């Protein structure tokens, strides 16, 4: 795979957004992402004055139980971006890290 540009040479945020081929709003949303705390079961709904406008999440959280129930669960974050956009972004970043970081990814990393 040929890597035609080097992120290390980018000097501005706008240049990085252009190189990643995503819009500024999505870039800001990814940077501002803070995982929500684990889900808590509530008995009563929020009062109407506390409900804000609905916003699409950036990631969906899945808690997958382990085979041995006493060992808890595994948390998986599924991106809500359309698959081609997410995969394109992931491939660009992977190519960049492989180019600049020796030993990336670790030989025992899978998934």
PDB file of N, CA and C in Angstrom:
ATOM      1  N   UNK A   1       0.851  -1.173   0.000  1.00  0.00           N
ATOM      2  CA  UNK A   1       0.000   0.000   0.000  1.00  0.00           C
ATOM      3  C   UNK A   1       0.895   1.235   0.000  1.00  0.00           C
ATOM      4  N   UNK A   2       0.684   2.115  -0.928  1.00  0.00           N
ATOM      5  CA  UNK A   2       1.471   3.346  -1.009  1.00  0.00           C
ATOM      6  C   UNK A   2       0.862   4.394  -0.090  1.00  0.00           C
ATOM      7  N   UNK A   3       1.702   5.084   0.614  1.00  0.00           N
ATOM      8  CA  UNK A   3       1.244   6.136   1.525  1.00  0.00           C
ATOM      9  C   UNK A   3       1.750   7.455   0.962  1.00  0.00           C
ATOM     10  N   UNK A   4       0.870   8.224   0.330  1.00  0.00           N
ATOM     11  CA  UNK A   4       1.272   9.394  -0.430  1.00  0.00           C
ATOM     12  C   UNK A   4       1.487  10.659   0.368  1.00  0.00           C
ATOM     13  N   UNK A   5       1.190  10.670   1.632  1.00  0.00           N
ATOM     14  CA  UNK A   5       1.386  11.881   2.419  1.00  0.00           C
ATOM     15  C   UNK A   5       1.806  11.498   3.828  1.00  0.00           C
ATOM     16  N   UNK A   6       2.413  12.444   4.506  1.00  0.00           N
ATOM     17  CA  UNK A   6       2.952  12.186   5.831  1.00  0.00           C
ATOM     18  C   UNK A   6       2.280  13.151   6.803  1.00  0.00           C
ATOM     19  N   UNK A   7       1.507  12.633   7.762  1.00  0.00           N
ATOM     20  CA  UNK A   7       0.805  13.483   8.717  1.00  0.00           C
ATOM     21  C   UNK A   7       1.770  14.317   9.555  1.00  0.00           C
ATOM     22  N   UNK A   8       2.978  13.849   9.740  1.00  0.00           N
ATOM     23  CA  UNK A   8       3.953  14.583  10.555  1.00  0.00           C
ATOM     24  C   UNK A   8       4.320  15.918   9.922  1.00  0.00           C
ATOM     25  N   UNK A   9       4.130  16.049   8.631  1.00  0.00           N
ATOM     26  CA  UNK A   9       4.450  17.303   7.939  1.00  0.00           C
ATOM     27  C   UNK A   9       3.318  18.331   7.983  1.00  0.00           C
ATOM     28  N   UNK A  10       2.173  17.932   8.440  1.00  0.00           N
ATOM     29  CA  UNK A  10       1.031  18.844   8.495  1.00  0.00           C
ATOM     30  C   UNK A  10       1.264  19.880   9.589  1.00  0.00           C
ATOM     31  N   UNK A  11       0.944  21.112   9.289  1.00  0.00           N
ATOM     32  CA  UNK A  11       1.227  22.195  10.237  1.00  0.00           C
ATOM     33  C   UNK A  11      -0.016  22.840  10.821  1.00  0.00           C
ATOM     34  N   UNK A  12      -1.194  22.438  10.370  1.00  0.00           N
ATOM     35  CA  UNK A  12      -2.401  23.063  10.905  1.00  0.00           C
ATOM     36  C   UNK A  12      -3.499  22.020  11.062  1.00  0.00           C
ATOM     37  N   UNK A  13      -4.463  22.378  11.872  1.00  0.00           N
ATOM     38  CA  UNK A  13      -5.621  21.510  12.100  1.00  0.00           C
ATOM     39  C   UNK A  13      -6.409  21.315  10.802  1.00  0.00           C
ATOM     40  N   UNK A  14      -6.540  22.378  10.030  1.00  0.00           N
ATOM     41  CA  UNK A  14      -7.275  22.305   8.765  1.00  0.00           C
ATOM     42  C   UNK A  14      -6.593  21.345   7.788  1.00  0.00           C
ATOM     43  N   UNK A  15      -5.270  21.363   7.756  1.00  0.00           N
ATOM     44  CA  UNK A  15      -4.532  20.460   6.871  1.00  0.00           C
ATOM     45  C   UNK A  15      -4.748  19.008   7.299  1.00  0.00           C
ATOM     46  N   UNK A  16      -4.799  18.764   8.606  1.00  0.00           N
ATOM     47  CA  UNK A  16      -5.042  17.412   9.098  1.00  0.00           C
ATOM     48  C   UNK A  16      -6.443  16.946   8.723  1.00  0.00           C
ATOM     49  N   UNK A  17      -7.439  17.807   8.892  1.00  0.00           N
ATOM     50  CA  UNK A  17      -8.815  17.451   8.533  1.00  0.00           C
ATOM     51  C   UNK A  17      -8.901  17.130   7.037  1.00  0.00           C
ATOM     52  N   UNK A  18      -8.239  17.917   6.209  1.00  0.00           N
ATOM     53  CA  UNK A  18      -8.231  17.654   4.767  1.00  0.00           C
ATOM     54  C   UNK A  18      -7.543  16.326   4.450  1.00  0.00           C
ATOM     55  N   UNK A  19      -6.426  16.049   5.125  1.00  0.00           N
ATOM     56  CA  UNK A  19      -5.694  14.808   4.866  1.00  0.00           C
ATOM     57  C   UNK A  19      -6.499  13.586   5.288  1.00  0.00           C
ATOM     58  N   UNK A  20      -7.291  13.719   6.340  1.00  0.00           N
ATOM     59  CA  UNK A  20      -8.112  12.605   6.812  1.00  0.00           C
ATOM     60  C   UNK A  20      -9.398  12.446   6.002  1.00  0.00           C
ATOM     61  N   UNK A  21      -9.718  13.429   5.190  1.00  0.00           N
ATOM     62  CA  UNK A  21     -10.917  13.414   4.340  1.00  0.00           C
ATOM     63  C   UNK A  21     -12.201  13.307   5.157  1.00  0.00           C
ATOM     64  N   UNK A  22     -12.274  14.052   6.253  1.00  0.00           N
ATOM     65  CA  UNK A  22     -13.513  14.132   7.027  1.00  0.00           C
ATOM     66  C   UNK A  22     -13.854  15.600   7.200  1.00  0.00           C
ATOM     67  N   UNK A  23     -15.112  15.877   7.540  1.00  0.00           N
ATOM     68  CA  UNK A  23     -15.491  17.276   7.719  1.00  0.00           C
ATOM     69  C   UNK A  23     -15.097  17.754   9.116  1.00  0.00           C
ATOM     70  N   UNK A  24     -15.024  19.067   9.275  1.00  0.00           N
ATOM     71  CA  UNK A  24     -14.562  19.681  10.524  1.00  0.00           C
ATOM     72  C   UNK A  24     -15.459  19.306  11.695  1.00  0.00           C
ATOM     73  N   UNK A  25     -16.775  19.277  11.477  1.00  0.00           N
ATOM     74  CA  UNK A  25     -17.706  18.945  12.558  1.00  0.00           C
ATOM     75  C   UNK A  25     -17.444  17.534  13.087  1.00  0.00           C
ATOM     76  N   UNK A  26     -17.213  16.575  12.195  1.00  0.00           N
ATOM     77  CA  UNK A  26     -16.943  15.208  12.628  1.00  0.00           C
ATOM     78  C   UNK A  26     -15.604  15.134  13.352  1.00  0.00           C
ATOM     79  N   UNK A  27     -14.604  15.848  12.857  1.00  0.00           N
ATOM     80  CA  UNK A  27     -13.289  15.876  13.504  1.00  0.00           C
ATOM     81  C   UNK A  27     -13.412  16.405  14.929  1.00  0.00           C
ATOM     82  N   UNK A  28     -14.147  17.496  15.114  1.00  0.00           N
ATOM     83  CA  UNK A  28     -14.336  18.075  16.444  1.00  0.00           C
ATOM     84  C   UNK A  28     -15.092  17.108  17.356  1.00  0.00           C
ATOM     85  N   UNK A  29     -16.072  16.404  16.789  1.00  0.00           N
ATOM     86  CA  UNK A  29     -16.851  15.462  17.577  1.00  0.00           C
ATOM     87  C   UNK A  29     -15.991  14.295  18.058  1.00  0.00           C
ATOM     88  N   UNK A  30     -15.095  13.805  17.188  1.00  0.00           N
ATOM     89  CA  UNK A  30     -14.200  12.717  17.571  1.00  0.00           C
ATOM     90  C   UNK A  30     -13.247  13.185  18.661  1.00  0.00           C
ATOM     91  N   UNK A  31     -12.691  14.387  18.529  1.00  0.00           N
ATOM     92  CA  UNK A  31     -11.761  14.906  19.536  1.00  0.00           C
ATOM     93  C   UNK A  31     -12.441  15.132  20.884  1.00  0.00           C
ATOM     94  N   UNK A  32     -13.696  15.511  20.859  1.00  0.00           N
ATOM     95  CA  UNK A  32     -14.407  15.833  22.092  1.00  0.00           C
ATOM     96  C   UNK A  32     -15.051  14.606  22.734  1.00  0.00           C
ATOM     97  N   UNK A  33     -14.926  13.445  22.106  1.00  0.00           N
ATOM     98  CA  UNK A  33     -15.614  12.247  22.599  1.00  0.00           C
ATOM     99  C   UNK A  33     -15.104  11.846  23.979  1.00  0.00           C
ATOM    100  N   UNK A  34     -16.037  11.680  24.890  1.00  0.00           N
ATOM    101  CA  UNK A  34     -15.754  11.162  26.226  1.00  0.00           C
ATOM    102  C   UNK A  34     -16.728  10.007  26.427  1.00  0.00           C
ATOM    103  N   UNK A  35     -16.210   8.796  26.673  1.00  0.00           N
ATOM    104  CA  UNK A  35     -17.136   7.670  26.841  1.00  0.00           C
ATOM    105  C   UNK A  35     -18.094   7.920  27.990  1.00  0.00           C
ATOM    106  N   UNK A  36     -19.363   7.613  27.805  1.00  0.00           N
ATOM    107  CA  UNK A  36     -20.312   7.781  28.901  1.00  0.00           C
ATOM    108  C   UNK A  36     -20.053   6.725  29.973  1.00  0.00           C
ATOM    109  N   UNK A  37     -20.473   6.991  31.191  1.00  0.00           N
ATOM    110  CA  UNK A  37     -20.304   5.977  32.240  1.00  0.00           C
ATOM    111  C   UNK A  37     -21.170   4.763  31.939  1.00  0.00           C
ATOM    112  N   UNK A  38     -20.895   3.639  32.589  1.00  0.00           N
ATOM    113  CA  UNK A  38     -21.730   2.455  32.365  1.00  0.00           C
ATOM    114  C   UNK A  38     -23.204   2.764  32.638  1.00  0.00           C
ATOM    115  N   UNK A  39     -24.042   2.066  31.926  1.00  0.00           N
ATOM    116  CA  UNK A  39     -25.486   2.291  32.059  1.00  0.00           C
ATOM    117  C   UNK A  39     -25.944   1.994  33.486  1.00  0.00           C
ATOM    118  N   UNK A  40     -26.815   2.836  33.979  1.00  0.00           N
ATOM    119  CA  UNK A  40     -27.382   2.668  35.321  1.00  0.00           C
ATOM    120  C   UNK A  40     -28.886   2.517  35.156  1.00  0.00           C
ATOM    121  N   UNK A  41     -29.440   1.537  35.802  1.00  0.00           N
ATOM    122  CA  UNK A  41     -30.875   1.321  35.720  1.00  0.00           C
ATOM    123  C   UNK A  41     -31.580   2.371  36.577  1.00  0.00           C
ATOM    124  N   UNK A  42     -32.507   3.087  35.955  1.00  0.00           N
ATOM    125  CA  UNK A  42     -33.257   4.127  36.672  1.00  0.00           C
ATOM    126  C   UNK A  42     -34.720   3.708  36.745  1.00  0.00           C
ATOM    127  N   UNK A  43     -35.346   4.005  37.848  1.00  0.00           N
ATOM    128  CA  UNK A  43     -36.745   3.646  38.044  1.00  0.00           C
ATOM    129  C   UNK A  43     -37.689   4.711  37.506  1.00  0.00           C
ATOM    130  N   UNK A  44     -37.250   5.966  37.501  1.00  0.00           N
ATOM    131  CA  UNK A  44     -38.119   7.049  37.060  1.00  0.00           C
ATOM    132  C   UNK A  44     -37.452   7.834  35.932  1.00  0.00           C
ATOM    133  N   UNK A  45     -38.235   8.307  34.965  1.00  0.00           N
ATOM    134  CA  UNK A  45     -37.645   9.072  33.855  1.00  0.00           C
ATOM    135  C   UNK A  45     -37.228  10.465  34.313  1.00  0.00           C
ATOM    136  N   UNK A  46     -36.345  11.081  33.517  1.00  0.00           N
ATOM    137  CA  UNK A  46     -35.929  12.455  33.801  1.00  0.00           C
ATOM    138  C   UNK A  46     -37.118  13.398  33.646  1.00  0.00           C
ATOM    139  N   UNK A  47     -37.154  14.444  34.458  1.00  0.00           N
ATOM    140  CA  UNK A  47     -38.211  15.440  34.263  1.00  0.00           C
ATOM    141  C   UNK A  47     -38.050  16.115  32.896  1.00  0.00           C
ATOM    142  N   UNK A  48     -39.143  16.575  32.296  1.00  0.00           N
ATOM    143  CA  UNK A  48     -39.084  17.164  30.951  1.00  0.00           C
ATOM    144  C   UNK A  48     -38.094  18.319  30.825  1.00  0.00           C
ATOM    145  N   UNK A  49     -37.871  19.118  31.865  1.00  0.00           N
ATOM    146  CA  UNK A  49     -36.971  20.259  31.730  1.00  0.00           C
ATOM    147  C   UNK A  49     -35.508  19.848  31.594  1.00  0.00           C
ATOM    148  N   UNK A  50     -35.175  18.601  31.954  1.00  0.00           N
ATOM    149  CA  UNK A  50     -33.791  18.141  31.847  1.00  0.00           C
ATOM    150  C   UNK A  50     -33.494  17.434  30.532  1.00  0.00           C
ATOM    151  N   UNK A  51     -34.491  17.137  29.753  1.00  0.00           N
ATOM    152  CA  UNK A  51     -34.284  16.441  28.485  1.00  0.00           C
ATOM    153  C   UNK A  51     -33.865  17.467  27.435  1.00  0.00           C
ATOM    154  N   UNK A  52     -32.700  17.232  26.811  1.00  0.00           N
ATOM    155  CA  UNK A  52     -32.207  18.148  25.780  1.00  0.00           C
ATOM    156  C   UNK A  52     -32.485  17.556  24.408  1.00  0.00           C
ATOM    157  N   UNK A  53     -32.123  18.297  23.377  1.00  0.00           N
ATOM    158  CA  UNK A  53     -32.315  17.827  22.013  1.00  0.00           C
ATOM    159  C   UNK A  53     -31.498  16.557  21.792  1.00  0.00           C
ATOM    160  N   UNK A  54     -32.072  15.619  21.071  1.00  0.00           N
ATOM    161  CA  UNK A  54     -31.386  14.360  20.805  1.00  0.00           C
ATOM    162  C   UNK A  54     -30.228  14.585  19.844  1.00  0.00           C
ATOM    163  N   UNK A  55     -29.117  13.929  20.128  1.00  0.00           N
ATOM    164  CA  UNK A  55     -27.946  14.011  19.269  1.00  0.00           C
ATOM    165  C   UNK A  55     -27.479  12.589  18.999  1.00  0.00           C
ATOM    166  N   UNK A  56     -27.132  12.310  17.767  1.00  0.00           N
ATOM    167  CA  UNK A  56     -26.666  10.966  17.426  1.00  0.00           C
ATOM    168  C   UNK A  56     -25.329  10.714  18.103  1.00  0.00           C
ATOM    169  N   UNK A  57     -25.169   9.546  18.719  1.00  0.00           N
ATOM    170  CA  UNK A  57     -23.900   9.254  19.385  1.00  0.00           C
ATOM    171  C   UNK A  57     -22.799   8.972  18.367  1.00  0.00           C
ATOM    172  N   UNK A  58     -21.566   9.173  18.775  1.00  0.00           N
ATOM    173  CA  UNK A  58     -20.426   8.897  17.918  1.00  0.00           C
ATOM    174  C   UNK A  58     -20.068   7.410  17.955  1.00  0.00           C
ATOM    175  N   UNK A  59     -20.279   6.784  19.096  1.00  0.00           N
ATOM    176  CA  UNK A  59     -20.024   5.359  19.265  1.00  0.00           C
ATOM    177  C   UNK A  59     -21.176   4.733  20.037  1.00  0.00           C
ATOM    178  N   UNK A  60     -21.433   3.456  19.784  1.00  0.00           N
ATOM    179  CA  UNK A  60     -22.402   2.696  20.546  1.00  0.00           C
ATOM    180  C   UNK A  60     -21.645   1.756  21.467  1.00  0.00           C
ATOM    181  N   UNK A  61     -22.069   1.674  22.711  1.00  0.00           N
ATOM    182  CA  UNK A  61     -21.405   0.827  23.694  1.00  0.00           C
ATOM    183  C   UNK A  61     -22.132  -0.512  23.799  1.00  0.00           C
ATOM    184  N   UNK A  62     -21.360  -1.588  23.755  1.00  0.00           N
ATOM    185  CA  UNK A  62     -21.894  -2.927  23.940  1.00  0.00           C
ATOM    186  C   UNK A  62     -21.117  -3.578  25.079  1.00  0.00           C
ATOM    187  N   UNK A  63     -21.814  -4.102  26.068  1.00  0.00           N
ATOM    188  CA  UNK A  63     -21.191  -4.864  27.138  1.00  0.00           C
ATOM    189  C   UNK A  63     -21.487  -6.329  26.866  1.00  0.00           C
ATOM    190  N   UNK A  64     -20.457  -7.085  26.517  1.00  0.00           N
ATOM    191  CA  UNK A  64     -20.618  -8.478  26.142  1.00  0.00           C
ATOM    192  C   UNK A  64     -20.202  -9.354  27.323  1.00  0.00           C
ATOM    193  N   UNK A  65     -21.121 -10.178  27.851  1.00  0.00           N
ATOM    194  CA  UNK A  65     -20.751 -11.025  28.991  1.00  0.00           C
ATOM    195  C   UNK A  65     -19.713 -12.064  28.589  1.00  0.00           C
ATOM    196  N   UNK A  66     -18.786 -12.326  29.503  1.00  0.00           N
ATOM    197  CA  UNK A  66     -17.779 -13.358  29.270  1.00  0.00           C
ATOM    198  C   UNK A  66     -18.396 -14.722  29.556  1.00  0.00           C
ATOM    199  N   UNK A  67     -17.758 -15.779  29.040  1.00  0.00           N
ATOM    200  CA  UNK A  67     -18.285 -17.134  29.248  1.00  0.00           C
ATOM    201  C   UNK A  67     -18.378 -17.463  30.727  1.00  0.00           C
ATOM    202  N   UNK A  68     -17.356 -17.087  31.464  1.00  0.00           N
ATOM    203  CA  UNK A  68     -17.370 -17.280  32.907  1.00  0.00           C
ATOM    204  C   UNK A  68     -18.026 -16.042  33.516  1.00  0.00           C
ATOM    205  N   UNK A  69     -19.252 -16.157  33.941  1.00  0.00           N
ATOM    206  CA  UNK A  69     -20.042 -15.010  34.409  1.00  0.00           C
ATOM    207  C   UNK A  69     -19.379 -14.247  35.554  1.00  0.00           C
ATOM    208  N   UNK A  70     -18.576 -14.940  36.369  1.00  0.00           N
ATOM    209  CA  UNK A  70     -17.941 -14.268  37.503  1.00  0.00           C
ATOM    210  C   UNK A  70     -16.829 -13.314  37.056  1.00  0.00           C
ATOM    211  N   UNK A  71     -16.396 -13.420  35.802  1.00  0.00           N
ATOM    212  CA  UNK A  71     -15.327 -12.556  35.304  1.00  0.00           C
ATOM    213  C   UNK A  71     -15.866 -11.280  34.664  1.00  0.00           C
ATOM    214  N   UNK A  72     -17.169 -11.065  34.725  1.00  0.00           N
ATOM    215  CA  UNK A  72     -17.741  -9.806  34.265  1.00  0.00           C
ATOM    216  C   UNK A  72     -18.055  -9.779  32.780  1.00  0.00           C
ATOM    217  N   UNK A  73     -17.722  -8.662  32.147  1.00  0.00           N
ATOM    218  CA  UNK A  73     -18.059  -8.459  30.740  1.00  0.00           C
ATOM    219  C   UNK A  73     -16.912  -7.740  30.029  1.00  0.00           C
ATOM    220  N   UNK A  74     -17.013  -7.705  28.718  1.00  0.00           N
ATOM    221  CA  UNK A  74     -16.054  -7.002  27.873  1.00  0.00           C
ATOM    222  C   UNK A  74     -16.800  -5.849  27.226  1.00  0.00           C
ATOM    223  N   UNK A  75     -16.238  -4.648  27.297  1.00  0.00           N
ATOM    224  CA  UNK A  75     -16.878  -3.476  26.706  1.00  0.00           C
ATOM    225  C   UNK A  75     -16.324  -3.256  25.303  1.00  0.00           C
ATOM    226  N   UNK A  76     -17.226  -3.124  24.341  1.00  0.00           N
ATOM    227  CA  UNK A  76     -16.867  -2.901  22.947  1.00  0.00           C
ATOM    228  C   UNK A  76     -17.537  -1.617  22.484  1.00  0.00           C
ATOM    229  N   UNK A  77     -16.779  -0.753  21.802  1.00  0.00           N
ATOM    230  CA  UNK A  77     -17.321   0.493  21.254  1.00  0.00           C
ATOM    231  C   UNK A  77     -17.444   0.354  19.750  1.00  0.00           C
ATOM    232  N   UNK A  78     -18.667   0.438  19.249  1.00  0.00           N
ATOM    233  CA  UNK A  78     -18.933   0.329  17.813  1.00  0.00           C
ATOM    234  C   UNK A  78     -19.089   1.738  17.245  1.00  0.00           C
ATOM    235  N   UNK A  79     -18.322   2.090  16.220  1.00  0.00           N
ATOM    236  CA  UNK A  79     -18.451   3.433  15.655  1.00  0.00           C
ATOM    237  C   UNK A  79     -19.789   3.622  14.955  1.00  0.00           C
ATOM    238  N   UNK A  80     -20.369   4.793  15.116  1.00  0.00           N
ATOM    239  CA  UNK A  80     -21.645   5.098  14.487  1.00  0.00           C
ATOM    240  C   UNK A  80     -21.457   5.743  13.113  1.00  0.00           C
ATOM    241  N   UNK A  81     -20.210   6.032  12.747  1.00  0.00           N
ATOM    242  CA  UNK A  81     -19.932   6.607  11.428  1.00  0.00           C
ATOM    243  C   UNK A  81     -20.319   5.611  10.343  1.00  0.00           C
ATOM    244  N   UNK A  82     -20.691   6.098   9.177  1.00  0.00           N
ATOM    245  CA  UNK A  82     -20.925   5.160   8.072  1.00  0.00           C
ATOM    246  C   UNK A  82     -19.650   4.341   7.829  1.00  0.00           C
ATOM    247  N   UNK A  83     -19.830   3.071   7.548  1.00  0.00           N
ATOM    248  CA  UNK A  83     -18.695   2.147   7.461  1.00  0.00           C
ATOM    249  C   UNK A  83     -17.582   2.615   6.506  1.00  0.00           C
ATOM    250  N   UNK A  84     -17.867   3.095   5.292  1.00  0.00           N
ATOM    251  CA  UNK A  84     -16.778   3.518   4.412  1.00  0.00           C
ATOM    252  C   UNK A  84     -15.964   4.691   4.982  1.00  0.00           C
ATOM    253  N   UNK A  85     -16.619   5.625   5.654  1.00  0.00           N
ATOM    254  CA  UNK A  85     -15.907   6.769   6.238  1.00  0.00           C
ATOM    255  C   UNK A  85     -15.012   6.289   7.366  1.00  0.00           C
ATOM    256  N   UNK A  86     -15.542   5.461   8.241  1.00  0.00           N
ATOM    257  CA  UNK A  86     -14.760   4.967   9.374  1.00  0.00           C
ATOM    258  C   UNK A  86     -13.583   4.116   8.904  1.00  0.00           C
ATOM    259  N   UNK A  87     -13.829   3.212   7.960  1.00  0.00           N
ATOM    260  CA  UNK A  87     -12.756   2.344   7.479  1.00  0.00           C
ATOM    261  C   UNK A  87     -11.677   3.138   6.759  1.00  0.00           C
ATOM    262  N   UNK A  88     -12.072   4.144   5.988  1.00  0.00           N
ATOM    263  CA  UNK A  88     -11.086   4.982   5.298  1.00  0.00           C
ATOM    264  C   UNK A  88     -10.211   5.731   6.280  1.00  0.00           C
ATOM    265  N   UNK A  89     -10.827   6.293   7.307  1.00  0.00           N
ATOM    266  CA  UNK A  89     -10.086   7.006   8.337  1.00  0.00           C
ATOM    267  C   UNK A  89      -9.145   6.045   9.075  1.00  0.00           C
ATOM    268  N   UNK A  90      -9.638   4.874   9.427  1.00  0.00           N
ATOM    269  CA  UNK A  90      -8.817   3.888  10.134  1.00  0.00           C
ATOM    270  C   UNK A  90      -7.635   3.437   9.280  1.00  0.00           C
ATOM    271  N   UNK A  91      -7.845   3.242   7.995  1.00  0.00           N
ATOM    272  CA  UNK A  91      -6.753   2.815   7.107  1.00  0.00           C
ATOM    273  C   UNK A  91      -5.682   3.901   6.981  1.00  0.00           C
ATOM    274  N   UNK A  92      -6.096   5.159   6.865  1.00  0.00           N
ATOM    275  CA  UNK A  92      -5.116   6.252   6.762  1.00  0.00           C
ATOM    276  C   UNK A  92      -4.265   6.341   8.027  1.00  0.00           C
ATOM    277  N   UNK A  93      -4.935   6.268   9.182  1.00  0.00           N
ATOM    278  CA  UNK A  93      -4.196   6.351  10.439  1.00  0.00           C
ATOM    279  C   UNK A  93      -3.298   5.130  10.636  1.00  0.00           C
ATOM    280  N   UNK A  94      -3.772   3.947  10.258  1.00  0.00           N
ATOM    281  CA  UNK A  94      -2.960   2.744  10.376  1.00  0.00           C
ATOM    282  C   UNK A  94      -1.714   2.850   9.497  1.00  0.00           C
ATOM    283  N   UNK A  95      -1.877   3.298   8.270  1.00  0.00           N
ATOM    284  CA  UNK A  95      -0.723   3.445   7.377  1.00  0.00           C
ATOM    285  C   UNK A  95       0.281   4.450   7.944  1.00  0.00           C
ATOM    286  N   UNK A  96      -0.218   5.526   8.507  1.00  0.00           N
ATOM    287  CA  UNK A  96       0.662   6.542   9.102  1.00  0.00           C
ATOM    288  C   UNK A  96       1.450   5.957  10.276  1.00  0.00           C
ATOM    289  N   UNK A  97       0.763   5.276  11.190  1.00  0.00           N
ATOM    290  CA  UNK A  97       1.443   4.713  12.357  1.00  0.00           C
ATOM    291  C   UNK A  97       2.432   3.615  11.964  1.00  0.00           C
ATOM    292  N   UNK A  98       2.092   2.798  10.973  1.00  0.00           N
ATOM    293  CA  UNK A  98       3.017   1.763  10.517  1.00  0.00           C
ATOM    294  C   UNK A  98       4.278   2.383   9.924  1.00  0.00           C
ATOM    295  N   UNK A  99       4.130   3.524   9.278  1.00  0.00           N
ATOM    296  CA  UNK A  99       5.265   4.197   8.656  1.00  0.00           C
ATOM    297  C   UNK A  99       6.201   4.802   9.704  1.00  0.00           C
ATOM    298  N   UNK A 100       5.652   5.404  10.744  1.00  0.00           N
ATOM    299  CA  UNK A 100       6.470   6.162  11.691  1.00  0.00           C
ATOM    300  C   UNK A 100       6.813   5.464  12.998  1.00  0.00           C
ATOM    301  N   UNK A 101       6.061   4.458  13.392  1.00  0.00           N
ATOM    302  CA  UNK A 101       6.306   3.824  14.685  1.00  0.00           C
ATOM    303  C   UNK A 101       6.862   2.421  14.497  1.00  0.00           C
ATOM    304  N   UNK A 102       8.135   2.221  14.826  1.00  0.00           N
ATOM    305  CA  UNK A 102       8.673   0.866  14.710  1.00  0.00           C
ATOM    306  C   UNK A 102       7.957  -0.068  15.693  1.00  0.00           C
ATOM    307  N   UNK A 103       7.653  -1.263  15.235  1.00  0.00           N
ATOM    308  CA  UNK A 103       6.976  -2.232  16.089  1.00  0.00           C
ATOM    309  C   UNK A 103       5.479  -2.043  16.181  1.00  0.00           C
ATOM    310  N   UNK A 104       4.913  -1.139  15.360  1.00  0.00           N
ATOM    311  CA  UNK A 104       3.466  -0.937  15.362  1.00  0.00           C
ATOM    312  C   UNK A 104       2.870  -1.746  14.227  1.00  0.00           C
ATOM    313  N   UNK A 105       1.819  -2.472  14.423  1.00  0.00           N
ATOM    314  CA  UNK A 105       1.240  -2.832  15.698  1.00  0.00           C
ATOM    315  C   UNK A 105       2.096  -3.891  16.385  1.00  0.00           C
ATOM    316  N   UNK A 106       1.882  -4.064  17.651  1.00  0.00           N
ATOM    317  CA  UNK A 106       2.629  -5.070  18.400  1.00  0.00           C
ATOM    318  C   UNK A 106       2.354  -6.434  17.782  1.00  0.00           C
ATOM    319  N   UNK A 107       3.372  -7.286  17.761  1.00  0.00           N
ATOM    320  CA  UNK A 107       3.237  -8.593  17.110  1.00  0.00           C
ATOM    321  C   UNK A 107       2.143  -9.467  17.712  1.00  0.00           C
ATOM    322  N   UNK A 108       1.745  -9.171  18.934  1.00  0.00           N
ATOM    323  CA  UNK A 108       0.699  -9.969  19.580  1.00  0.00           C
ATOM    324  C   UNK A 108      -0.653  -9.270  19.583  1.00  0.00           C
ATOM    325  N   UNK A 109      -0.771  -8.193  18.846  1.00  0.00           N
ATOM    326  CA  UNK A 109      -2.051  -7.477  18.762  1.00  0.00           C
ATOM    327  C   UNK A 109      -2.893  -8.091  17.640  1.00  0.00           C
ATOM    328  N   UNK A 110      -4.119  -8.405  17.961  1.00  0.00           N
ATOM    329  CA  UNK A 110      -5.041  -8.974  16.985  1.00  0.00           C
ATOM    330  C   UNK A 110      -6.385  -8.264  17.133  1.00  0.00           C
ATOM    331  N   UNK A 111      -7.207  -8.361  16.102  1.00  0.00           N
ATOM    332  CA  UNK A 111      -8.548  -7.824  16.234  1.00  0.00           C
ATOM    333  C   UNK A 111      -8.910  -6.875  15.152  1.00  0.00           C
TER     334      UNK A 111
END
